[in-house]
C-alpha atoms as a PDB file:
ATOM      1  CA  MET A   1      34.111 -91.670  26.609  1.00  0.00           C
ATOM      2  CA  THR A   2      35.673 -92.489  23.239  1.00  0.00           C
ATOM      3  CA  GLU A   3      39.305 -92.966  24.267  1.00  0.00           C
ATOM      4  CA  ASN A   4      40.898 -95.760  26.292  1.00  0.00           C
ATOM      5  CA  GLN A   5      41.878 -94.160  29.583  1.00  0.00           C
ATOM      6  CA  ASP A   6      44.392 -96.960  30.231  1.00  0.00           C
ATOM      7  CA  VAL A   7      46.769 -95.305  27.780  1.00  0.00           C
ATOM      8  CA  PRO A   8      49.964 -94.584  29.809  1.00  0.00           C
ATOM      9  CA  ARG A   9      49.630 -90.793  29.949  1.00  0.00           C
ATOM     10  CA  LEU A  10      50.632 -90.477  33.624  1.00  0.00           C
ATOM     11  CA  ILE A  11      54.304 -89.599  34.123  1.00  0.00           C
ATOM     12  CA  VAL A  12      55.450 -91.013  37.466  1.00  0.00           C
ATOM     13  CA  LEU A  13      57.565 -88.499  39.376  1.00  0.00           C
ATOM     14  CA  GLU A  14      58.613 -88.237  43.016  1.00  0.00           C
ATOM     15  CA  GLY A  15      57.384 -84.664  43.441  1.00  0.00           C
ATOM     16  CA  CYS A  16      54.129 -84.710  41.447  1.00  0.00           C
ATOM     17  CA  LEU A  17      50.961 -86.780  41.483  1.00  0.00           C
ATOM     18  CA  ASN A  18      49.212 -85.455  38.392  1.00  0.00           C
ATOM     19  CA  PHE A  19      51.832 -84.970  35.650  1.00  0.00           C
ATOM     20  CA  ARG A  20      50.170 -86.216  32.444  1.00  0.00           C
ATOM     21  CA  ASP A  21      50.841 -86.260  28.724  1.00  0.00           C
ATOM     22  CA  LEU A  22      47.850 -85.026  26.709  1.00  0.00           C
ATOM     23  CA  GLY A  23      48.996 -87.102  23.733  1.00  0.00           C
ATOM     24  CA  GLY A  24      46.916 -89.865  22.214  1.00  0.00           C
ATOM     25  CA  TYR A  25      43.509 -88.226  22.131  1.00  0.00           C
ATOM     26  CA  THR A  26      41.833 -88.277  18.718  1.00  0.00           C
ATOM     27  CA  GLY A  27      41.205 -84.804  17.367  1.00  0.00           C
ATOM     28  CA  GLU A  28      40.276 -82.994  14.189  1.00  0.00           C
ATOM     29  CA  GLY A  29      40.047 -85.191  11.088  1.00  0.00           C
ATOM     30  CA  GLY A  30      40.904 -88.316  13.070  1.00  0.00           C
ATOM     31  CA  ARG A  31      44.416 -87.005  13.769  1.00  0.00           C
ATOM     32  CA  LYS A  32      45.740 -87.860  17.219  1.00  0.00           C
ATOM     33  CA  ILE A  33      47.528 -85.459  19.520  1.00  0.00           C
ATOM     34  CA  ARG A  34      51.209 -86.343  19.467  1.00  0.00           C
ATOM     35  CA  TYR A  35      52.839 -87.688  22.584  1.00  0.00           C
ATOM     36  CA  GLY A  36      55.609 -85.587  24.083  1.00  0.00           C
ATOM     37  CA  ARG A  37      54.251 -82.231  22.907  1.00  0.00           C
ATOM     38  CA  ILE A  38      51.921 -80.991  25.665  1.00  0.00           C
ATOM     39  CA  PHE A  39      51.716 -81.964  29.343  1.00  0.00           C
ATOM     40  CA  ARG A  40      49.521 -80.891  32.254  1.00  0.00           C
ATOM     41  CA  SER A  41      50.569 -81.062  35.896  1.00  0.00           C
ATOM     42  CA  ASP A  42      50.026 -80.136  39.504  1.00  0.00           C
ATOM     43  CA  ASP A  43      52.537 -77.965  41.416  1.00  0.00           C
ATOM     44  CA  LEU A  44      56.136 -78.532  40.293  1.00  0.00           C
ATOM     45  CA  SER A  45      57.768 -76.989  43.367  1.00  0.00           C
ATOM     46  CA  LYS A  46      58.570 -80.379  44.934  1.00  0.00           C
ATOM     47  CA  LEU A  47      60.311 -81.859  41.910  1.00  0.00           C
ATOM     48  CA  SER A  48      63.374 -83.838  42.962  1.00  0.00           C
ATOM     49  CA  PRO A  49      66.693 -83.503  41.107  1.00  0.00           C
ATOM     50  CA  GLY A  50      65.895 -86.793  39.409  1.00  0.00           C
ATOM     51  CA  ASP A  51      62.446 -85.507  38.442  1.00  0.00           C
ATOM     52  CA  MET A  52      63.968 -82.469  36.753  1.00  0.00           C
ATOM     53  CA  VAL A  53      66.272 -84.686  34.723  1.00  0.00           C
ATOM     54  CA  ARG A  54      63.266 -86.835  33.769  1.00  0.00           C
ATOM     55  CA  VAL A  55      61.257 -83.780  32.673  1.00  0.00           C
ATOM     56  CA  GLY A  56      64.109 -82.786  30.386  1.00  0.00           C
ATOM     57  CA  GLU A  57      64.329 -86.320  29.009  1.00  0.00           C
ATOM     58  CA  LEU A  58      60.660 -86.064  28.022  1.00  0.00           C
ATOM     59  CA  GLY A  59      61.651 -83.320  25.594  1.00  0.00           C
ATOM     60  CA  ILE A  60      60.027 -80.565  27.645  1.00  0.00           C
ATOM     61  CA  SER A  61      61.695 -77.204  27.162  1.00  0.00           C
ATOM     62  CA  THR A  62      58.900 -74.784  28.153  1.00  0.00           C
ATOM     63  CA  VAL A  63      57.149 -74.352  31.506  1.00  0.00           C
ATOM     64  CA  LEU A  64      53.924 -72.375  31.859  1.00  0.00           C
ATOM     65  CA  ASP A  65      53.142 -71.572  35.509  1.00  0.00           C
ATOM     66  CA  LEU A  66      49.505 -70.511  35.995  1.00  0.00           C
ATOM     67  CA  ARG A  67      49.738 -69.870  39.746  1.00  0.00           C
ATOM     68  CA  SER A  68      49.436 -66.514  41.453  1.00  0.00           C
ATOM     69  CA  ALA A  69      52.452 -64.439  42.488  1.00  0.00           C
ATOM     70  CA  ASP A  70      51.767 -65.359  46.133  1.00  0.00           C
ATOM     71  CA  GLU A  71      51.711 -69.065  45.316  1.00  0.00           C
ATOM     72  CA  LEU A  72      54.948 -68.732  43.392  1.00  0.00           C
ATOM     73  CA  ALA A  73      56.602 -66.877  46.279  1.00  0.00           C
ATOM     74  CA  ARG A  74      55.558 -69.570  48.753  1.00  0.00           C
ATOM     75  CA  ALA A  75      56.601 -72.447  46.500  1.00  0.00           C
ATOM     76  CA  PRO A  76      59.153 -71.392  43.858  1.00  0.00           C
ATOM     77  CA  ASN A  77      59.264 -73.288  40.604  1.00  0.00           C
ATOM     78  CA  PRO A  78      62.600 -75.170  40.458  1.00  0.00           C
ATOM     79  CA  LEU A  79      62.600 -75.112  36.633  1.00  0.00           C
ATOM     80  CA  ARG A  80      62.579 -71.310  36.597  1.00  0.00           C
ATOM     81  CA  GLY A  81      66.035 -70.254  35.445  1.00  0.00           C
ATOM     82  CA  ARG A  82      67.201 -73.832  34.967  1.00  0.00           C
ATOM     83  CA  PRO A  83      69.293 -74.251  31.791  1.00  0.00           C
ATOM     84  CA  GLY A  84      67.334 -75.825  28.973  1.00  0.00           C
ATOM     85  CA  PHE A  85      63.948 -74.499  30.090  1.00  0.00           C
ATOM     86  CA  ALA A  86      62.031 -71.388  29.039  1.00  0.00           C
ATOM     87  CA  TYR A  87      59.813 -70.327  31.946  1.00  0.00           C
ATOM     88  CA  TYR A  88      56.632 -68.240  31.679  1.00  0.00           C
ATOM     89  CA  HIS A  89      54.545 -67.046  34.618  1.00  0.00           C
ATOM     90  CA  ILE A  90      50.976 -66.229  33.581  1.00  0.00           C
ATOM     91  CA  PRO A  91      48.840 -65.967  36.760  1.00  0.00           C
ATOM     92  CA  LEU A  92      45.414 -66.898  35.491  1.00  0.00           C
ATOM     93  CA  LEU A  93      43.395 -65.689  38.476  1.00  0.00           C
ATOM     94  CA  ASP A  94      44.692 -62.120  38.079  1.00  0.00           C
ATOM     95  CA  GLY A  95      42.076 -61.555  35.394  1.00  0.00           C
ATOM     96  CA  ILE A  96      39.352 -62.017  37.989  1.00  0.00           C
ATOM     97  CA  ASN A  97      41.054 -60.530  41.040  1.00  0.00           C
ATOM     98  CA  SER A  98      41.826 -57.280  39.210  1.00  0.00           C
ATOM     99  CA  GLU A  99      38.083 -56.660  38.907  1.00  0.00           C
ATOM    100  CA  THR A 100      37.425 -57.203  42.616  1.00  0.00           C
ATOM    101  CA  ASP A 101      38.634 -55.671  45.866  1.00  0.00           C
ATOM    102  CA  GLY A 102      40.550 -58.847  46.736  1.00  0.00           C
ATOM    103  CA  PRO A 103      40.842 -62.542  46.010  1.00  0.00           C
ATOM    104  CA  VAL A 104      37.794 -63.919  44.233  1.00  0.00           C
ATOM    105  CA  ARG A 105      35.374 -65.861  46.400  1.00  0.00           C
ATOM    106  CA  ILE A 106      34.646 -69.265  44.889  1.00  0.00           C
ATOM    107  CA  GLU A 107      30.940 -70.110  45.052  1.00  0.00           C
ATOM    108  CA  SER A 108      31.259 -73.171  42.832  1.00  0.00           C
ATOM    109  CA  LEU A 109      33.854 -74.558  40.484  1.00  0.00           C
ATOM    110  CA  PRO A 110      31.758 -74.181  37.309  1.00  0.00           C
ATOM    111  CA  GLU A 111      31.217 -70.512  38.214  1.00  0.00           C
ATOM    112  CA  LEU A 112      34.965 -70.081  38.729  1.00  0.00           C
ATOM    113  CA  TYR A 113      35.678 -71.598  35.323  1.00  0.00           C
ATOM    114  CA  LYS A 114      33.115 -69.390  33.615  1.00  0.00           C
ATOM    115  CA  SER A 115      34.493 -66.322  35.421  1.00  0.00           C
ATOM    116  CA  LEU A 116      37.973 -67.145  34.135  1.00  0.00           C
ATOM    117  CA  VAL A 117      36.656 -67.506  30.589  1.00  0.00           C
ATOM    118  CA  ILE A 118      34.950 -64.108  30.838  1.00  0.00           C
ATOM    119  CA  SER A 119      37.528 -62.097  32.802  1.00  0.00           C
ATOM    120  CA  ALA A 120      40.911 -63.736  32.173  1.00  0.00           C
ATOM    121  CA  GLY A 121      40.881 -63.468  28.387  1.00  0.00           C
ATOM    122  CA  LYS A 122      44.155 -61.530  28.260  1.00  0.00           C
ATOM    123  CA  GLN A 123      45.940 -64.174  30.295  1.00  0.00           C
ATOM    124  CA  ILE A 124      44.395 -67.054  28.341  1.00  0.00           C
ATOM    125  CA  ALA A 125      45.395 -65.439  25.048  1.00  0.00           C
ATOM    126  CA  GLY A 126      48.935 -65.103  26.439  1.00  0.00           C
ATOM    127  CA  VAL A 127      48.996 -68.796  27.294  1.00  0.00           C
ATOM    128  CA  PHE A 128      48.050 -69.755  23.743  1.00  0.00           C
ATOM    129  CA  GLN A 129      50.561 -67.371  22.220  1.00  0.00           C
ATOM    130  CA  VAL A 130      53.299 -69.102  24.225  1.00  0.00           C
ATOM    131  CA  LEU A 131      51.979 -72.543  23.281  1.00  0.00           C
ATOM    132  CA  ARG A 132      51.829 -71.636  19.592  1.00  0.00           C
ATOM    133  CA  GLU A 133      55.420 -70.430  19.464  1.00  0.00           C
ATOM    134  CA  GLN A 134      57.164 -73.298  21.245  1.00  0.00           C
ATOM    135  CA  LYS A 135      58.918 -76.029  19.268  1.00  0.00           C
ATOM    136  CA  GLY A 136      59.648 -78.579  21.985  1.00  0.00           C
ATOM    137  CA  GLY A 137      57.442 -80.072  24.671  1.00  0.00           C
ATOM    138  CA  THR A 138      55.518 -77.791  27.043  1.00  0.00           C
ATOM    139  CA  VAL A 139      54.124 -78.391  30.520  1.00  0.00           C
ATOM    140  CA  PHE A 140      51.501 -76.097  32.030  1.00  0.00           C
ATOM    141  CA  HIS A 141      50.463 -76.303  35.654  1.00  0.00           C
ATOM    142  CA  CYS A 142      48.846 -74.617  38.654  1.00  0.00           C
ATOM    143  CA  ALA A 143      48.702 -75.931  42.244  1.00  0.00           C
ATOM    144  CA  ALA A 144      46.586 -79.096  42.031  1.00  0.00           C
ATOM    145  CA  GLY A 145      46.503 -79.256  38.248  1.00  0.00           C
ATOM    146  CA  LYS A 146      42.718 -79.271  38.412  1.00  0.00           C
ATOM    147  CA  ASP A 147      40.977 -75.916  37.931  1.00  0.00           C
ATOM    148  CA  ARG A 148      43.184 -73.402  36.115  1.00  0.00           C
ATOM    149  CA  THR A 149      45.065 -76.237  34.463  1.00  0.00           C
ATOM    150  CA  GLY A 150      41.781 -78.016  33.745  1.00  0.00           C
ATOM    151  CA  LEU A 151      40.390 -74.971  31.949  1.00  0.00           C
ATOM    152  CA  ILE A 152      43.478 -74.590  29.748  1.00  0.00           C
ATOM    153  CA  ALA A 153      43.498 -78.330  29.021  1.00  0.00           C
ATOM    154  CA  ALA A 154      39.839 -78.165  27.993  1.00  0.00           C
ATOM    155  CA  LEU A 155      40.549 -75.276  25.610  1.00  0.00           C
ATOM    156  CA  ILE A 156      43.576 -77.049  24.123  1.00  0.00           C
ATOM    157  CA  LEU A 157      41.693 -80.287  23.579  1.00  0.00           C
ATOM    158  CA  GLY A 158      38.620 -78.448  22.305  1.00  0.00           C
ATOM    159  CA  LEU A 159      40.679 -76.453  19.823  1.00  0.00           C
ATOM    160  CA  CYS A 160      42.237 -79.691  18.562  1.00  0.00           C
ATOM    161  CA  GLY A 161      38.775 -81.172  17.984  1.00  0.00           C
ATOM    162  CA  VAL A 162      38.878 -83.773  20.770  1.00  0.00           C
ATOM    163  CA  ALA A 163      35.462 -85.208  21.666  1.00  0.00           C
ATOM    164  CA  GLU A 164      33.757 -83.619  24.669  1.00  0.00           C
ATOM    165  CA  GLU A 165      33.500 -87.007  26.371  1.00  0.00           C
ATOM    166  CA  ASP A 166      37.299 -87.268  26.318  1.00  0.00           C
ATOM    167  CA  ILE A 167      37.776 -83.696  27.558  1.00  0.00           C
ATOM    168  CA  ILE A 168      35.460 -84.451  30.466  1.00  0.00           C
ATOM    169  CA  ALA A 169      37.178 -87.772  31.215  1.00  0.00           C
ATOM    170  CA  ASP A 170      40.603 -86.130  31.187  1.00  0.00           C
ATOM    171  CA  TYR A 171      39.379 -83.512  33.665  1.00  0.00           C
ATOM    172  CA  ALA A 172      37.824 -86.151  35.929  1.00  0.00           C
ATOM    173  CA  LEU A 173      41.132 -88.032  36.229  1.00  0.00           C
ATOM    174  CA  THR A 174      42.613 -85.282  38.391  1.00  0.00           C
ATOM    175  CA  TYR A 175      40.626 -86.118  41.522  1.00  0.00           C
ATOM    176  CA  GLU A 176      41.674 -89.749  41.214  1.00  0.00           C
ATOM    177  CA  LYS A 177      45.359 -88.839  40.873  1.00  0.00           C
ATOM    178  CA  MET A 178      45.317 -86.074  43.506  1.00  0.00           C
ATOM    179  CA  ARG A 179      43.200 -87.909  46.080  1.00  0.00           C
ATOM    180  CA  PRO A 180      46.127 -88.540  48.521  1.00  0.00           C
ATOM    181  CA  PHE A 181      47.013 -84.831  48.467  1.00  0.00           C
ATOM    182  CA  PHE A 182      43.407 -83.730  48.949  1.00  0.00           C
ATOM    183  CA  ASP A 183      42.878 -86.207  51.810  1.00  0.00           C
ATOM    184  CA  THR A 184      45.969 -84.912  53.631  1.00  0.00           C
ATOM    185  CA  MET A 185      44.988 -81.288  53.039  1.00  0.00           C
ATOM    186  CA  THR A 186      41.438 -81.909  54.302  1.00  0.00           C
ATOM    187  CA  GLN A 187      42.690 -83.667  57.441  1.00  0.00           C
ATOM    188  CA  LYS A 188      45.069 -80.812  58.287  1.00  0.00           C
ATOM    189  CA  ALA A 189      42.329 -78.244  57.716  1.00  0.00           C
ATOM    190  CA  ARG A 190      39.913 -80.098  59.986  1.00  0.00           C
ATOM    191  CA  GLU A 191      42.541 -80.343  62.720  1.00  0.00           C
ATOM    192  CA  ALA A 192      42.963 -76.567  62.445  1.00  0.00           C
ATOM    193  CA  GLY A 193      39.210 -76.031  62.555  1.00  0.00           C
ATOM    194  CA  ILE A 194      39.053 -74.782  58.972  1.00  0.00           C
ATOM    195  CA  PRO A 195      36.048 -75.963  56.957  1.00  0.00           C
ATOM    196  CA  VAL A 196      36.880 -77.280  53.480  1.00  0.00           C
ATOM    197  CA  PRO A 197      33.910 -77.627  51.095  1.00  0.00           C
ATOM    198  CA  GLU A 198      34.520 -81.087  49.677  1.00  0.00           C
ATOM    199  CA  GLU A 199      32.948 -80.270  46.315  1.00  0.00           C
ATOM    200  CA  LEU A 200      35.727 -77.724  45.672  1.00  0.00           C
ATOM    201  CA  LEU A 201      38.286 -80.523  45.793  1.00  0.00           C
ATOM    202  CA  ARG A 202      36.535 -82.725  43.261  1.00  0.00           C
ATOM    203  CA  SER A 203      36.806 -82.803  39.502  1.00  0.00           C
ATOM    204  CA  ASP A 204      33.245 -83.912  38.951  1.00  0.00           C
ATOM    205  CA  PRO A 205      32.473 -84.630  35.278  1.00  0.00           C
ATOM    206  CA  ALA A 206      29.381 -82.441  35.647  1.00  0.00           C
ATOM    207  CA  PHE A 207      31.602 -79.410  36.345  1.00  0.00           C
ATOM    208  CA  MET A 208      33.419 -79.740  33.033  1.00  0.00           C
ATOM    209  CA  ARG A 209      30.200 -80.489  31.215  1.00  0.00           C
ATOM    210  CA  GLU A 210      28.793 -77.204  32.495  1.00  0.00           C
ATOM    211  CA  LEU A 211      31.892 -75.318  31.312  1.00  0.00           C
ATOM    212  CA  LEU A 212      31.775 -76.882  27.830  1.00  0.00           C
ATOM    213  CA  ASP A 213      28.045 -76.148  27.537  1.00  0.00           C
ATOM    214  CA  PHE A 214      28.788 -72.535  28.489  1.00  0.00           C
ATOM    215  CA  LEU A 215      31.570 -72.252  25.889  1.00  0.00           C
ATOM    216  CA  ASN A 216      29.333 -73.724  23.191  1.00  0.00           C
ATOM    217  CA  ARG A 217      26.314 -71.643  24.091  1.00  0.00           C
ATOM    218  CA  THR A 218      28.115 -68.324  24.612  1.00  0.00           C
ATOM    219  CA  TYR A 219      31.036 -68.479  22.185  1.00  0.00           C
ATOM    220  CA  SER A 220      30.267 -71.383  19.807  1.00  0.00           C
ATOM    221  CA  GLY A 221      33.160 -73.425  21.188  1.00  0.00           C
ATOM    222  CA  ALA A 222      36.849 -73.152  22.022  1.00  0.00           C
ATOM    223  CA  GLU A 223      38.098 -72.017  18.616  1.00  0.00           C
ATOM    224  CA  ALA A 224      35.574 -69.191  18.280  1.00  0.00           C
ATOM    225  CA  TYR A 225      36.309 -68.131  21.859  1.00  0.00           C
ATOM    226  CA  LEU A 226      40.052 -67.919  21.184  1.00  0.00           C
ATOM    227  CA  LEU A 227      39.471 -66.055  17.929  1.00  0.00           C
ATOM    228  CA  GLY A 228      37.502 -63.555  19.978  1.00  0.00           C
ATOM    229  CA  LEU A 229      40.574 -63.035  22.165  1.00  0.00           C
ATOM    230  CA  GLY A 230      42.590 -61.889  19.165  1.00  0.00           C
ATOM    231  CA  LEU A 231      44.242 -65.111  18.062  1.00  0.00           C
ATOM    232  CA  THR A 232      44.104 -65.580  14.295  1.00  0.00           C
ATOM    233  CA  LEU A 233      43.139 -68.523  12.126  1.00  0.00           C
ATOM    234  CA  ARG A 234      46.825 -68.824  11.257  1.00  0.00           C
ATOM    235  CA  ASP A 235      47.663 -68.971  14.971  1.00  0.00           C
ATOM    236  CA  MET A 236      45.108 -71.768  15.363  1.00  0.00           C
ATOM    237  CA  GLY A 237      46.487 -73.647  12.384  1.00  0.00           C
ATOM    238  CA  ASP A 238      50.078 -73.373  13.613  1.00  0.00           C
ATOM    239  CA  PHE A 239      49.030 -74.592  17.037  1.00  0.00           C
ATOM    240  CA  LYS A 240      47.066 -77.573  15.738  1.00  0.00           C
ATOM    241  CA  ASN A 241      49.778 -78.556  13.283  1.00  0.00           C
ATOM    242  CA  ARG A 242      52.314 -78.587  16.086  1.00  0.00           C
ATOM    243  CA  LEU A 243      50.176 -80.818  18.297  1.00  0.00           C
ATOM    244  CA  LEU A 244      48.323 -83.071  15.864  1.00  0.00           C
ATOM    245  CA  GLU A 245      49.776 -85.874  13.780  1.00  0.00           C
ATOM    246  CA  LYS A 246      50.357 -85.063  10.127  1.00  0.00           C
ATOM    247  CA  ARG A 247      47.552 -85.892   7.740  1.00  0.00           C
END
């Protein structure tokens, strides 16, 4: 790990456990990612009125919801339609589910991440088009802010030239922050007689390492992968210039 993980990236909110600023990481050419530009989070459906004011005070004006339509129906996003926020729903798992007869069966988290990279290219490209065009701060999230959010965070940080050790460390923080939620969920599942594979709840550094190795081996890294999805070098430059400090 090359970055100090004590940097105050965690945003304390009543309705979220894992709302974090991706600012401060050192990227391409020694330029750091600016604070207040890009945030990752778990489910936003339980944001309190005070939380929503706080999110606006952070300069966030764009919300990217990566959850499925069913998840959104069960837990609506309170920032959707709220004045001052542009809301985009890009269900990342649709890229996999559309190629199957139903919801994808998760054998392991690294396999899920690789399947998303392979099959959800259209959705991932859409995410980066939104990110490239926004001027204010943006938050992207799924349910736990771990898997779908973790993949997008890894691609963002990779594109910005952040060291792999920092990408892995950022991913691993999610289990630490979400542990109370996972413990409660596991207890309720056990009481209902539903088995919960514990490894699916973790954000083991080895899982992200496997994803990054796959991206490097198969696509020559995040930037080449995104270029393959149809984003241009100009798109990449605009995106990096928006996130990274000026030279």
